[in-house]
Amino acid sequence: MLEKEKEAIDEQAALFSVLADPTRLKLLRLLSQQRESAALCVNALAYRLGVTQPAVSQHLKVLKSAGMVKGEKRGYRVHYFVKREALNKAQGLISQALQLSEGEPGENGTEKLKSEIK
């Protein structure tokens, strides 16, 4: 396996690990629907998701370390929003991870599957 391909697979696996938690997916969806000017704080996120504030903070920590979410201090609270460029990159990595390779017949089972369907 090429080194570049191995690095891509490692990056994809790390992304899937971040996205594997349903609460983090809900957080990303909620934050992606907000404009940056209407970013939400931990209290508002916890209320809307029906989870505790410490749980939201822990999930935000994971999302921030993955570079998908950014916090901005506004007054006494930190308000969070998604980093659009990070979501675009994540979509590309997911798409790349799920692409089927087109190899020689029988190399990836495609020919066998086609013959079984006929």
PDB file of N, CA and C in Angstrom:
ATOM      1  N   MET A   1       0.853  -1.170   0.000  1.00  0.00           N
ATOM      2  CA  MET A   1       0.000   0.000   0.000  1.00  0.00           C
ATOM      3  C   MET A   1       0.903   1.238   0.000  1.00  0.00           C
ATOM      4  N   LEU A   2       0.579   2.190  -0.812  1.00  0.00           N
ATOM      5  CA  LEU A   2       1.357   3.411  -0.898  1.00  0.00           C
ATOM      6  C   LEU A   2       1.212   4.227   0.378  1.00  0.00           C
ATOM      7  N   GLU A   3       2.273   4.967   0.726  1.00  0.00           N
ATOM      8  CA  GLU A   3       2.251   5.780   1.941  1.00  0.00           C
ATOM      9  C   GLU A   3       1.142   6.834   1.906  1.00  0.00           C
ATOM     10  N   LYS A   4       0.950   7.445   0.735  1.00  0.00           N
ATOM     11  CA  LYS A   4      -0.090   8.466   0.601  1.00  0.00           C
ATOM     12  C   LYS A   4      -1.476   7.860   0.818  1.00  0.00           C
ATOM     13  N   GLU A   5      -1.687   6.665   0.290  1.00  0.00           N
ATOM     14  CA  GLU A   5      -2.972   5.986   0.462  1.00  0.00           C
ATOM     15  C   GLU A   5      -3.196   5.612   1.930  1.00  0.00           C
ATOM     16  N   LYS A   6      -2.125   5.167   2.598  1.00  0.00           N
ATOM     17  CA  LYS A   6      -2.224   4.818   4.016  1.00  0.00           C
ATOM     18  C   LYS A   6      -2.587   6.052   4.846  1.00  0.00           C
ATOM     19  N   GLU A   7      -1.977   7.196   4.533  1.00  0.00           N
ATOM     20  CA  GLU A   7      -2.294   8.429   5.254  1.00  0.00           C
ATOM     21  C   GLU A   7      -3.751   8.828   5.037  1.00  0.00           C
ATOM     22  N   ALA A   8      -4.240   8.664   3.810  1.00  0.00           N
ATOM     23  CA  ALA A   8      -5.640   8.989   3.514  1.00  0.00           C
ATOM     24  C   ALA A   8      -6.574   8.079   4.304  1.00  0.00           C
ATOM     25  N   ILE A   9      -6.245   6.808   4.381  1.00  0.00           N
ATOM     26  CA  ILE A   9      -7.075   5.857   5.125  1.00  0.00           C
ATOM     27  C   ILE A   9      -7.062   6.197   6.613  1.00  0.00           C
ATOM     28  N   ASP A  10      -5.902   6.558   7.144  1.00  0.00           N
ATOM     29  CA  ASP A  10      -5.819   6.947   8.550  1.00  0.00           C
ATOM     30  C   ASP A  10      -6.666   8.186   8.828  1.00  0.00           C
ATOM     31  N   GLU A  11      -6.625   9.152   7.907  1.00  0.00           N
ATOM     32  CA  GLU A  11      -7.413  10.369   8.064  1.00  0.00           C
ATOM     33  C   GLU A  11      -8.911  10.063   7.988  1.00  0.00           C
ATOM     34  N   GLN A  12      -9.294   9.171   7.079  1.00  0.00           N
ATOM     35  CA  GLN A  12     -10.697   8.776   6.954  1.00  0.00           C
ATOM     36  C   GLN A  12     -11.167   8.050   8.205  1.00  0.00           C
ATOM     37  N   ALA A  13     -10.334   7.150   8.734  1.00  0.00           N
ATOM     38  CA  ALA A  13     -10.703   6.412   9.941  1.00  0.00           C
ATOM     39  C   ALA A  13     -10.881   7.358  11.132  1.00  0.00           C
ATOM     40  N   ALA A  14     -10.007   8.352  11.246  1.00  0.00           N
ATOM     41  CA  ALA A  14     -10.130   9.331  12.331  1.00  0.00           C
ATOM     42  C   ALA A  14     -11.433  10.109  12.194  1.00  0.00           C
ATOM     43  N   LEU A  15     -11.778  10.478  10.970  1.00  0.00           N
ATOM     44  CA  LEU A  15     -13.032  11.199  10.733  1.00  0.00           C
ATOM     45  C   LEU A  15     -14.237  10.342  11.109  1.00  0.00           C
ATOM     46  N   PHE A  16     -14.237   9.078  10.675  1.00  0.00           N
ATOM     47  CA  PHE A  16     -15.353   8.191  11.020  1.00  0.00           C
ATOM     48  C   PHE A  16     -15.461   8.024  12.531  1.00  0.00           C
ATOM     49  N   SER A  17     -14.339   8.004  13.226  1.00  0.00           N
ATOM     50  CA  SER A  17     -14.351   7.898  14.683  1.00  0.00           C
ATOM     51  C   SER A  17     -15.029   9.115  15.310  1.00  0.00           C
ATOM     52  N   VAL A  18     -14.730  10.293  14.790  1.00  0.00           N
ATOM     53  CA  VAL A  18     -15.345  11.525  15.301  1.00  0.00           C
ATOM     54  C   VAL A  18     -16.846  11.519  15.029  1.00  0.00           C
ATOM     55  N   LEU A  19     -17.233  11.050  13.861  1.00  0.00           N
ATOM     56  CA  LEU A  19     -18.643  11.082  13.460  1.00  0.00           C
ATOM     57  C   LEU A  19     -19.453   9.887  13.966  1.00  0.00           C
ATOM     58  N   ALA A  20     -18.799   8.950  14.636  1.00  0.00           N
ATOM     59  CA  ALA A  20     -19.472   7.715  15.052  1.00  0.00           C
ATOM     60  C   ALA A  20     -20.488   7.915  16.173  1.00  0.00           C
ATOM     61  N   ASP A  21     -20.421   9.018  16.864  1.00  0.00           N
ATOM     62  CA  ASP A  21     -21.330   9.251  17.984  1.00  0.00           C
ATOM     63  C   ASP A  21     -22.579  10.014  17.525  1.00  0.00           C
ATOM     64  N   PRO A  22     -23.772   9.500  17.821  1.00  0.00           N
ATOM     65  CA  PRO A  22     -25.006  10.167  17.397  1.00  0.00           C
ATOM     66  C   PRO A  22     -25.155  11.595  17.929  1.00  0.00           C
ATOM     67  N   THR A  23     -24.703  11.837  19.148  1.00  0.00           N
ATOM     68  CA  THR A  23     -24.825  13.193  19.699  1.00  0.00           C
ATOM     69  C   THR A  23     -23.940  14.165  18.933  1.00  0.00           C
ATOM     70  N   ARG A  24     -22.741  13.725  18.543  1.00  0.00           N
ATOM     71  CA  ARG A  24     -21.871  14.607  17.755  1.00  0.00           C
ATOM     72  C   ARG A  24     -22.484  14.887  16.395  1.00  0.00           C
ATOM     73  N   LEU A  25     -23.110  13.883  15.794  1.00  0.00           N
ATOM     74  CA  LEU A  25     -23.789  14.118  14.513  1.00  0.00           C
ATOM     75  C   LEU A  25     -24.931  15.107  14.674  1.00  0.00           C
ATOM     76  N   LYS A  26     -25.687  14.980  15.748  1.00  0.00           N
ATOM     77  CA  LYS A  26     -26.777  15.928  16.015  1.00  0.00           C
ATOM     78  C   LYS A  26     -26.224  17.340  16.225  1.00  0.00           C
ATOM     79  N   LEU A  27     -25.126  17.432  16.963  1.00  0.00           N
ATOM     80  CA  LEU A  27     -24.495  18.731  17.186  1.00  0.00           C
ATOM     81  C   LEU A  27     -24.068  19.366  15.867  1.00  0.00           C
ATOM     82  N   LEU A  28     -23.410  18.581  15.024  1.00  0.00           N
ATOM     83  CA  LEU A  28     -22.977  19.104  13.727  1.00  0.00           C
ATOM     84  C   LEU A  28     -24.160  19.560  12.886  1.00  0.00           C
ATOM     85  N   ARG A  29     -25.208  18.769  12.874  1.00  0.00           N
ATOM     86  CA  ARG A  29     -26.395  19.133  12.094  1.00  0.00           C
ATOM     87  C   ARG A  29     -27.011  20.433  12.628  1.00  0.00           C
ATOM     88  N   LEU A  30     -27.145  20.521  13.936  1.00  0.00           N
ATOM     89  CA  LEU A  30     -27.724  21.717  14.549  1.00  0.00           C
ATOM     90  C   LEU A  30     -26.858  22.947  14.267  1.00  0.00           C
ATOM     91  N   LEU A  31     -25.563  22.807  14.457  1.00  0.00           N
ATOM     92  CA  LEU A  31     -24.671  23.939  14.238  1.00  0.00           C
ATOM     93  C   LEU A  31     -24.573  24.328  12.771  1.00  0.00           C
ATOM     94  N   SER A  32     -24.684  23.357  11.883  1.00  0.00           N
ATOM     95  CA  SER A  32     -24.593  23.672  10.453  1.00  0.00           C
ATOM     96  C   SER A  32     -25.828  24.436   9.963  1.00  0.00           C
ATOM     97  N   GLN A  33     -26.918  24.359  10.712  1.00  0.00           N
ATOM     98  CA  GLN A  33     -28.134  25.079  10.348  1.00  0.00           C
ATOM     99  C   GLN A  33     -28.126  26.518  10.860  1.00  0.00           C
ATOM    100  N   GLN A  34     -27.144  26.858  11.697  1.00  0.00           N
ATOM    101  CA  GLN A  34     -27.064  28.196  12.280  1.00  0.00           C
ATOM    102  C   GLN A  34     -26.129  29.080  11.460  1.00  0.00           C
ATOM    103  N   ARG A  35     -26.485  30.328  11.344  1.00  0.00           N
ATOM    104  CA  ARG A  35     -25.551  31.303  10.768  1.00  0.00           C
ATOM    105  C   ARG A  35     -24.518  31.627  11.839  1.00  0.00           C
ATOM    106  N   GLU A  36     -23.334  32.027  11.416  1.00  0.00           N
ATOM    107  CA  GLU A  36     -22.283  32.355  12.378  1.00  0.00           C
ATOM    108  C   GLU A  36     -22.727  33.448  13.338  1.00  0.00           C
ATOM    109  N   SER A  37     -23.497  34.387  12.849  1.00  0.00           N
ATOM    110  CA  SER A  37     -23.974  35.478  13.710  1.00  0.00           C
ATOM    111  C   SER A  37     -24.979  34.986  14.749  1.00  0.00           C
ATOM    112  N   ALA A  38     -25.589  33.820  14.504  1.00  0.00           N
ATOM    113  CA  ALA A  38     -26.564  33.252  15.441  1.00  0.00           C
ATOM    114  C   ALA A  38     -26.020  31.976  16.078  1.00  0.00           C
ATOM    115  N   ALA A  39     -24.700  31.928  16.280  1.00  0.00           N
ATOM    116  CA  ALA A  39     -24.071  30.751  16.880  1.00  0.00           C
ATOM    117  C   ALA A  39     -24.645  30.498  18.269  1.00  0.00           C
ATOM    118  N   LEU A  40     -24.586  29.255  18.697  1.00  0.00           N
ATOM    119  CA  LEU A  40     -25.197  28.853  19.969  1.00  0.00           C
ATOM    120  C   LEU A  40     -24.147  28.555  21.028  1.00  0.00           C
ATOM    121  N   CYS A  41     -24.503  28.798  22.286  1.00  0.00           N
ATOM    122  CA  CYS A  41     -23.618  28.470  23.403  1.00  0.00           C
ATOM    123  C   CYS A  41     -23.936  27.056  23.903  1.00  0.00           C
ATOM    124  N   VAL A  42     -23.121  26.561  24.823  1.00  0.00           N
ATOM    125  CA  VAL A  42     -23.294  25.202  25.346  1.00  0.00           C
ATOM    126  C   VAL A  42     -24.673  25.023  25.972  1.00  0.00           C
ATOM    127  N   ASN A  43     -25.135  26.021  26.735  1.00  0.00           N
ATOM    128  CA  ASN A  43     -26.455  25.919  27.377  1.00  0.00           C
ATOM    129  C   ASN A  43     -27.554  25.718  26.339  1.00  0.00           C
ATOM    130  N   ALA A  44     -27.530  26.517  25.287  1.00  0.00           N
ATOM    131  CA  ALA A  44     -28.553  26.423  24.241  1.00  0.00           C
ATOM    132  C   ALA A  44     -28.455  25.091  23.509  1.00  0.00           C
ATOM    133  N   LEU A  45     -27.250  24.645  23.253  1.00  0.00           N
ATOM    134  CA  LEU A  45     -27.071  23.354  22.567  1.00  0.00           C
ATOM    135  C   LEU A  45     -27.591  22.210  23.438  1.00  0.00           C
ATOM    136  N   ALA A  46     -27.253  22.243  24.721  1.00  0.00           N
ATOM    137  CA  ALA A  46     -27.712  21.189  25.637  1.00  0.00           C
ATOM    138  C   ALA A  46     -29.228  21.150  25.698  1.00  0.00           C
ATOM    139  N   TYR A  47     -29.853  22.306  25.787  1.00  0.00           N
ATOM    140  CA  TYR A  47     -31.316  22.385  25.847  1.00  0.00           C
ATOM    141  C   TYR A  47     -31.941  21.820  24.573  1.00  0.00           C
ATOM    142  N   ARG A  48     -31.422  22.229  23.420  1.00  0.00           N
ATOM    143  CA  ARG A  48     -32.009  21.783  22.149  1.00  0.00           C
ATOM    144  C   ARG A  48     -31.797  20.296  21.884  1.00  0.00           C
ATOM    145  N   LEU A  49     -30.686  19.749  22.383  1.00  0.00           N
ATOM    146  CA  LEU A  49     -30.405  18.327  22.153  1.00  0.00           C
ATOM    147  C   LEU A  49     -30.945  17.436  23.264  1.00  0.00           C
ATOM    148  N   GLY A  50     -31.316  18.030  24.380  1.00  0.00           N
ATOM    149  CA  GLY A  50     -31.830  17.235  25.494  1.00  0.00           C
ATOM    150  C   GLY A  50     -30.756  16.420  26.190  1.00  0.00           C
ATOM    151  N   VAL A  51     -29.538  16.954  26.241  1.00  0.00           N
ATOM    152  CA  VAL A  51     -28.437  16.293  26.948  1.00  0.00           C
ATOM    153  C   VAL A  51     -27.839  17.289  27.945  1.00  0.00           C
ATOM    154  N   THR A  52     -26.976  16.802  28.811  1.00  0.00           N
ATOM    155  CA  THR A  52     -26.388  17.673  29.823  1.00  0.00           C
ATOM    156  C   THR A  52     -25.335  18.605  29.224  1.00  0.00           C
ATOM    157  N   GLN A  53     -25.100  19.702  29.916  1.00  0.00           N
ATOM    158  CA  GLN A  53     -24.071  20.647  29.474  1.00  0.00           C
ATOM    159  C   GLN A  53     -22.681  20.018  29.444  1.00  0.00           C
ATOM    160  N   PRO A  54     -22.294  19.219  30.475  1.00  0.00           N
ATOM    161  CA  PRO A  54     -20.979  18.578  30.404  1.00  0.00           C
ATOM    162  C   PRO A  54     -20.839  17.637  29.196  1.00  0.00           C
ATOM    163  N   ALA A  55     -21.924  16.951  28.851  1.00  0.00           N
ATOM    164  CA  ALA A  55     -21.873  16.056  27.682  1.00  0.00           C
ATOM    165  C   ALA A  55     -21.642  16.866  26.406  1.00  0.00           C
ATOM    166  N   VAL A  56     -22.348  17.974  26.274  1.00  0.00           N
ATOM    167  CA  VAL A  56     -22.172  18.829  25.103  1.00  0.00           C
ATOM    168  C   VAL A  56     -20.742  19.346  25.050  1.00  0.00           C
ATOM    169  N   SER A  57     -20.213  19.768  26.185  1.00  0.00           N
ATOM    170  CA  SER A  57     -18.842  20.275  26.233  1.00  0.00           C
ATOM    171  C   SER A  57     -17.836  19.223  25.784  1.00  0.00           C
ATOM    172  N   GLN A  58     -18.039  17.990  26.230  1.00  0.00           N
ATOM    173  CA  GLN A  58     -17.117  16.918  25.830  1.00  0.00           C
ATOM    174  C   GLN A  58     -17.205  16.644  24.329  1.00  0.00           C
ATOM    175  N   HIS A  59     -18.400  16.618  23.799  1.00  0.00           N
ATOM    176  CA  HIS A  59     -18.562  16.386  22.358  1.00  0.00           C
ATOM    177  C   HIS A  59     -17.991  17.545  21.546  1.00  0.00           C
ATOM    178  N   LEU A  60     -18.186  18.758  22.024  1.00  0.00           N
ATOM    179  CA  LEU A  60     -17.608  19.916  21.338  1.00  0.00           C
ATOM    180  C   LEU A  60     -16.086  19.863  21.365  1.00  0.00           C
ATOM    181  N   LYS A  61     -15.528  19.376  22.453  1.00  0.00           N
ATOM    182  CA  LYS A  61     -14.072  19.239  22.556  1.00  0.00           C
ATOM    183  C   LYS A  61     -13.545  18.313  21.462  1.00  0.00           C
ATOM    184  N   VAL A  62     -14.237  17.199  21.246  1.00  0.00           N
ATOM    185  CA  VAL A  62     -13.836  16.255  20.201  1.00  0.00           C
ATOM    186  C   VAL A  62     -13.968  16.894  18.822  1.00  0.00           C
ATOM    187  N   LEU A  63     -15.081  17.573  18.584  1.00  0.00           N
ATOM    188  CA  LEU A  63     -15.308  18.214  17.289  1.00  0.00           C
ATOM    189  C   LEU A  63     -14.313  19.350  17.047  1.00  0.00           C
ATOM    190  N   LYS A  64     -13.976  20.089  18.100  1.00  0.00           N
ATOM    191  CA  LYS A  64     -12.991  21.163  17.961  1.00  0.00           C
ATOM    192  C   LYS A  64     -11.609  20.592  17.650  1.00  0.00           C
ATOM    193  N   SER A  65     -11.233  19.512  18.326  1.00  0.00           N
ATOM    194  CA  SER A  65      -9.909  18.925  18.081  1.00  0.00           C
ATOM    195  C   SER A  65      -9.817  18.349  16.666  1.00  0.00           C
ATOM    196  N   ALA A  66     -10.955  17.971  16.098  1.00  0.00           N
ATOM    197  CA  ALA A  66     -10.985  17.481  14.716  1.00  0.00           C
ATOM    198  C   ALA A  66     -11.040  18.638  13.721  1.00  0.00           C
ATOM    199  N   GLY A  67     -11.170  19.856  14.230  1.00  0.00           N
ATOM    200  CA  GLY A  67     -11.191  21.031  13.365  1.00  0.00           C
ATOM    201  C   GLY A  67     -12.520  21.298  12.692  1.00  0.00           C
ATOM    202  N   MET A  68     -13.581  20.686  13.181  1.00  0.00           N
ATOM    203  CA  MET A  68     -14.883  20.823  12.542  1.00  0.00           C
ATOM    204  C   MET A  68     -15.745  21.930  13.146  1.00  0.00           C
ATOM    205  N   VAL A  69     -15.429  22.321  14.364  1.00  0.00           N
ATOM    206  CA  VAL A  69     -16.212  23.317  15.077  1.00  0.00           C
ATOM    207  C   VAL A  69     -15.265  24.374  15.637  1.00  0.00           C
ATOM    208  N   LYS A  70     -15.758  25.593  15.678  1.00  0.00           N
ATOM    209  CA  LYS A  70     -14.967  26.687  16.224  1.00  0.00           C
ATOM    210  C   LYS A  70     -15.803  27.408  17.279  1.00  0.00           C
ATOM    211  N   GLY A  71     -15.148  27.831  18.342  1.00  0.00           N
ATOM    212  CA  GLY A  71     -15.820  28.592  19.381  1.00  0.00           C
ATOM    213  C   GLY A  71     -15.348  30.035  19.362  1.00  0.00           C
ATOM    214  N   GLU A  72     -16.261  30.934  19.679  1.00  0.00           N
ATOM    215  CA  GLU A  72     -15.939  32.362  19.715  1.00  0.00           C
ATOM    216  C   GLU A  72     -16.538  32.956  20.981  1.00  0.00           C
ATOM    217  N   LYS A  73     -15.697  33.589  21.781  1.00  0.00           N
ATOM    218  CA  LYS A  73     -16.182  34.174  23.028  1.00  0.00           C
ATOM    219  C   LYS A  73     -16.987  35.432  22.722  1.00  0.00           C
ATOM    220  N   ARG A  74     -18.205  35.434  23.238  1.00  0.00           N
ATOM    221  CA  ARG A  74     -19.105  36.582  23.088  1.00  0.00           C
ATOM    222  C   ARG A  74     -19.655  36.889  24.471  1.00  0.00           C
ATOM    223  N   GLY A  75     -19.165  37.959  25.056  1.00  0.00           N
ATOM    224  CA  GLY A  75     -19.563  38.279  26.423  1.00  0.00           C
ATOM    225  C   GLY A  75     -18.972  37.256  27.372  1.00  0.00           C
ATOM    226  N   TYR A  76     -19.818  36.668  28.210  1.00  0.00           N
ATOM    227  CA  TYR A  76     -19.357  35.682  29.186  1.00  0.00           C
ATOM    228  C   TYR A  76     -19.368  34.253  28.650  1.00  0.00           C
ATOM    229  N   ARG A  77     -19.931  34.044  27.490  1.00  0.00           N
ATOM    230  CA  ARG A  77     -20.099  32.687  26.962  1.00  0.00           C
ATOM    231  C   ARG A  77     -19.348  32.501  25.651  1.00  0.00           C
ATOM    232  N   VAL A  78     -19.084  31.231  25.355  1.00  0.00           N
ATOM    233  CA  VAL A  78     -18.484  30.872  24.075  1.00  0.00           C
ATOM    234  C   VAL A  78     -19.598  30.342  23.181  1.00  0.00           C
ATOM    235  N   HIS A  79     -19.684  30.872  21.998  1.00  0.00           N
ATOM    236  CA  HIS A  79     -20.680  30.437  21.024  1.00  0.00           C
ATOM    237  C   HIS A  79     -19.979  29.628  19.941  1.00  0.00           C
ATOM    238  N   TYR A  80     -20.652  28.565  19.496  1.00  0.00           N
ATOM    239  CA  TYR A  80     -20.022  27.609  18.581  1.00  0.00           C
ATOM    240  C   TYR A  80     -20.710  27.602  17.225  1.00  0.00           C
ATOM    241  N   PHE A  81     -19.902  27.314  16.215  1.00  0.00           N
ATOM    242  CA  PHE A  81     -20.410  27.161  14.852  1.00  0.00           C
ATOM    243  C   PHE A  81     -19.490  26.223  14.094  1.00  0.00           C
ATOM    244  N   VAL A  82     -20.018  25.644  13.030  1.00  0.00           N
ATOM    245  CA  VAL A  82     -19.214  24.710  12.230  1.00  0.00           C
ATOM    246  C   VAL A  82     -18.277  25.484  11.326  1.00  0.00           C
ATOM    247  N   LYS A  83     -17.190  24.848  11.004  1.00  0.00           N
ATOM    248  CA  LYS A  83     -16.254  25.399  10.035  1.00  0.00           C
ATOM    249  C   LYS A  83     -16.610  24.763   8.688  1.00  0.00           C
ATOM    250  N   ARG A  84     -17.201  25.545   7.829  1.00  0.00           N
ATOM    251  CA  ARG A  84     -17.716  25.042   6.546  1.00  0.00           C
ATOM    252  C   ARG A  84     -16.642  24.335   5.728  1.00  0.00           C
ATOM    253  N   GLU A  85     -15.428  24.883   5.700  1.00  0.00           N
ATOM    254  CA  GLU A  85     -14.366  24.263   4.915  1.00  0.00           C
ATOM    255  C   GLU A  85     -14.014  22.876   5.460  1.00  0.00           C
ATOM    256  N   ALA A  86     -14.122  22.699   6.780  1.00  0.00           N
ATOM    257  CA  ALA A  86     -13.866  21.392   7.376  1.00  0.00           C
ATOM    258  C   ALA A  86     -14.957  20.397   6.989  1.00  0.00           C
ATOM    259  N   LEU A  87     -16.211  20.848   6.949  1.00  0.00           N
ATOM    260  CA  LEU A  87     -17.300  19.959   6.524  1.00  0.00           C
ATOM    261  C   LEU A  87     -17.141  19.555   5.064  1.00  0.00           C
ATOM    262  N   ASN A  88     -16.729  20.499   4.236  1.00  0.00           N
ATOM    263  CA  ASN A  88     -16.501  20.176   2.825  1.00  0.00           C
ATOM    264  C   ASN A  88     -15.388  19.143   2.674  1.00  0.00           C
ATOM    265  N   LYS A  89     -14.312  19.313   3.454  1.00  0.00           N
ATOM    266  CA  LYS A  89     -13.211  18.350   3.416  1.00  0.00           C
ATOM    267  C   LYS A  89     -13.688  16.977   3.900  1.00  0.00           C
ATOM    268  N   ALA A  90     -14.498  16.968   4.966  1.00  0.00           N
ATOM    269  CA  ALA A  90     -15.023  15.711   5.505  1.00  0.00           C
ATOM    270  C   ALA A  90     -15.894  14.995   4.475  1.00  0.00           C
ATOM    271  N   GLN A  91     -16.709  15.753   3.761  1.00  0.00           N
ATOM    272  CA  GLN A  91     -17.539  15.144   2.713  1.00  0.00           C
ATOM    273  C   GLN A  91     -16.665  14.497   1.650  1.00  0.00           C
ATOM    274  N   GLY A  92     -15.592  15.164   1.285  1.00  0.00           N
ATOM    275  CA  GLY A  92     -14.674  14.609   0.294  1.00  0.00           C
ATOM    276  C   GLY A  92     -14.004  13.336   0.788  1.00  0.00           C
ATOM    277  N   LEU A  93     -13.572  13.329   2.053  1.00  0.00           N
ATOM    278  CA  LEU A  93     -12.926  12.148   2.622  1.00  0.00           C
ATOM    279  C   LEU A  93     -13.888  10.969   2.697  1.00  0.00           C
ATOM    280  N   ILE A  94     -15.127  11.246   3.089  1.00  0.00           N
ATOM    281  CA  ILE A  94     -16.131  10.180   3.175  1.00  0.00           C
ATOM    282  C   ILE A  94     -16.426   9.629   1.784  1.00  0.00           C
ATOM    283  N   SER A  95     -16.596  10.501   0.837  1.00  0.00           N
ATOM    284  CA  SER A  95     -16.864  10.085  -0.539  1.00  0.00           C
ATOM    285  C   SER A  95     -15.714   9.245  -1.081  1.00  0.00           C
ATOM    286  N   GLN A  96     -14.495   9.693  -0.809  1.00  0.00           N
ATOM    287  CA  GLN A  96     -13.306   8.969  -1.268  1.00  0.00           C
ATOM    288  C   GLN A  96     -13.217   7.587  -0.611  1.00  0.00           C
ATOM    289  N   ALA A  97     -13.570   7.508   0.666  1.00  0.00           N
ATOM    290  CA  ALA A  97     -13.497   6.234   1.387  1.00  0.00           C
ATOM    291  C   ALA A  97     -14.499   5.225   0.857  1.00  0.00           C
ATOM    292  N   LEU A  98     -15.631   5.716   0.344  1.00  0.00           N
ATOM    293  CA  LEU A  98     -16.697   4.819  -0.088  1.00  0.00           C
ATOM    294  C   LEU A  98     -16.696   4.530  -1.584  1.00  0.00           C
ATOM    295  N   GLN A  99     -15.697   5.042  -2.303  1.00  0.00           N
ATOM    296  CA  GLN A  99     -15.623   4.778  -3.734  1.00  0.00           C
ATOM    297  C   GLN A  99     -15.255   3.313  -3.961  1.00  0.00           C
ATOM    298  N   LEU A 100     -15.915   2.712  -4.930  1.00  0.00           N
ATOM    299  CA  LEU A 100     -15.591   1.352  -5.315  1.00  0.00           C
ATOM    300  C   LEU A 100     -14.504   1.393  -6.369  1.00  0.00           C
ATOM    301  N   SER A 101     -13.519   0.526  -6.211  1.00  0.00           N
ATOM    302  CA  SER A 101     -12.444   0.513  -7.198  1.00  0.00           C
ATOM    303  C   SER A 101     -12.860  -0.323  -8.398  1.00  0.00           C
ATOM    304  N   GLU A 102     -12.390   0.075  -9.543  1.00  0.00           N
ATOM    305  CA  GLU A 102     -12.642  -0.658 -10.779  1.00  0.00           C
ATOM    306  C   GLU A 102     -11.363  -1.401 -11.144  1.00  0.00           C
ATOM    307  N   GLY A 103     -11.272  -2.656 -10.770  1.00  0.00           N
ATOM    308  CA  GLY A 103     -10.076  -3.441 -11.029  1.00  0.00           C
ATOM    309  C   GLY A 103     -10.316  -4.473 -12.115  1.00  0.00           C
ATOM    310  N   GLU A 104      -9.404  -5.419 -12.186  1.00  0.00           N
ATOM    311  CA  GLU A 104      -9.539  -6.519 -13.130  1.00  0.00           C
ATOM    312  C   GLU A 104     -10.713  -7.393 -12.721  1.00  0.00           C
ATOM    313  N   PRO A 105     -11.331  -8.084 -13.688  1.00  0.00           N
ATOM    314  CA  PRO A 105     -12.446  -8.979 -13.344  1.00  0.00           C
ATOM    315  C   PRO A 105     -12.048  -9.958 -12.245  1.00  0.00           C
ATOM    316  N   GLY A 106     -12.911 -10.084 -11.269  1.00  0.00           N
ATOM    317  CA  GLY A 106     -12.658 -11.009 -10.177  1.00  0.00           C
ATOM    318  C   GLY A 106     -11.793 -10.419  -9.078  1.00  0.00           C
ATOM    319  N   GLU A 107     -11.146  -9.296  -9.332  1.00  0.00           N
ATOM    320  CA  GLU A 107     -10.230  -8.715  -8.370  1.00  0.00           C
ATOM    321  C   GLU A 107     -10.966  -8.226  -7.118  1.00  0.00           C
ATOM    322  N   ASN A 108     -12.136  -7.664  -7.311  1.00  0.00           N
ATOM    323  CA  ASN A 108     -12.880  -7.163  -6.151  1.00  0.00           C
ATOM    324  C   ASN A 108     -14.256  -7.818  -6.027  1.00  0.00           C
ATOM    325  N   GLY A 109     -14.441  -8.910  -6.709  1.00  0.00           N
ATOM    326  CA  GLY A 109     -15.701  -9.631  -6.597  1.00  0.00           C
ATOM    327  C   GLY A 109     -16.802  -9.103  -7.490  1.00  0.00           C
ATOM    328  N   THR A 110     -16.540  -8.066  -8.276  1.00  0.00           N
ATOM    329  CA  THR A 110     -17.566  -7.452  -9.106  1.00  0.00           C
ATOM    330  C   THR A 110     -18.065  -8.424 -10.172  1.00  0.00           C
ATOM    331  N   GLU A 111     -17.154  -9.100 -10.833  1.00  0.00           N
ATOM    332  CA  GLU A 111     -17.556 -10.024 -11.894  1.00  0.00           C
ATOM    333  C   GLU A 111     -18.375 -11.183 -11.333  1.00  0.00           C
ATOM    334  N   LYS A 112     -17.981 -11.709 -10.182  1.00  0.00           N
ATOM    335  CA  LYS A 112     -18.729 -12.793  -9.561  1.00  0.00           C
ATOM    336  C   LYS A 112     -20.141 -12.323  -9.217  1.00  0.00           C
ATOM    337  N   LEU A 113     -20.245 -11.140  -8.671  1.00  0.00           N
ATOM    338  CA  LEU A 113     -21.550 -10.592  -8.308  1.00  0.00           C
ATOM    339  C   LEU A 113     -22.406 -10.394  -9.545  1.00  0.00           C
ATOM    340  N   LYS A 114     -21.814  -9.868 -10.630  1.00  0.00           N
ATOM    341  CA  LYS A 114     -22.568  -9.661 -11.857  1.00  0.00           C
ATOM    342  C   LYS A 114     -23.085 -10.988 -12.413  1.00  0.00           C
ATOM    343  N   SER A 115     -22.258 -12.023 -12.347  1.00  0.00           N
ATOM    344  CA  SER A 115     -22.694 -13.316 -12.880  1.00  0.00           C
ATOM    345  C   SER A 115     -23.781 -13.942 -12.009  1.00  0.00           C
ATOM    346  N   GLU A 116     -23.748 -13.690 -10.695  1.00  0.00           N
ATOM    347  CA  GLU A 116     -24.776 -14.217  -9.807  1.00  0.00           C
ATOM    348  C   GLU A 116     -26.105 -13.500 -10.017  1.00  0.00           C
ATOM    349  N   ILE A 117     -26.073 -12.247 -10.410  1.00  0.00           N
ATOM    350  CA  ILE A 117     -27.287 -11.475 -10.627  1.00  0.00           C
ATOM    351  C   ILE A 117     -27.999 -11.937 -11.904  1.00  0.00           C
ATOM    352  N   LYS A 118     -27.248 -12.344 -12.944  1.00  0.00           N
ATOM    353  CA  LYS A 118     -27.823 -12.750 -14.236  1.00  0.00           C
ATOM    354  C   LYS A 118     -28.622 -13.987 -14.146  1.00  0.00           C
TER     355      LYS A 118
END
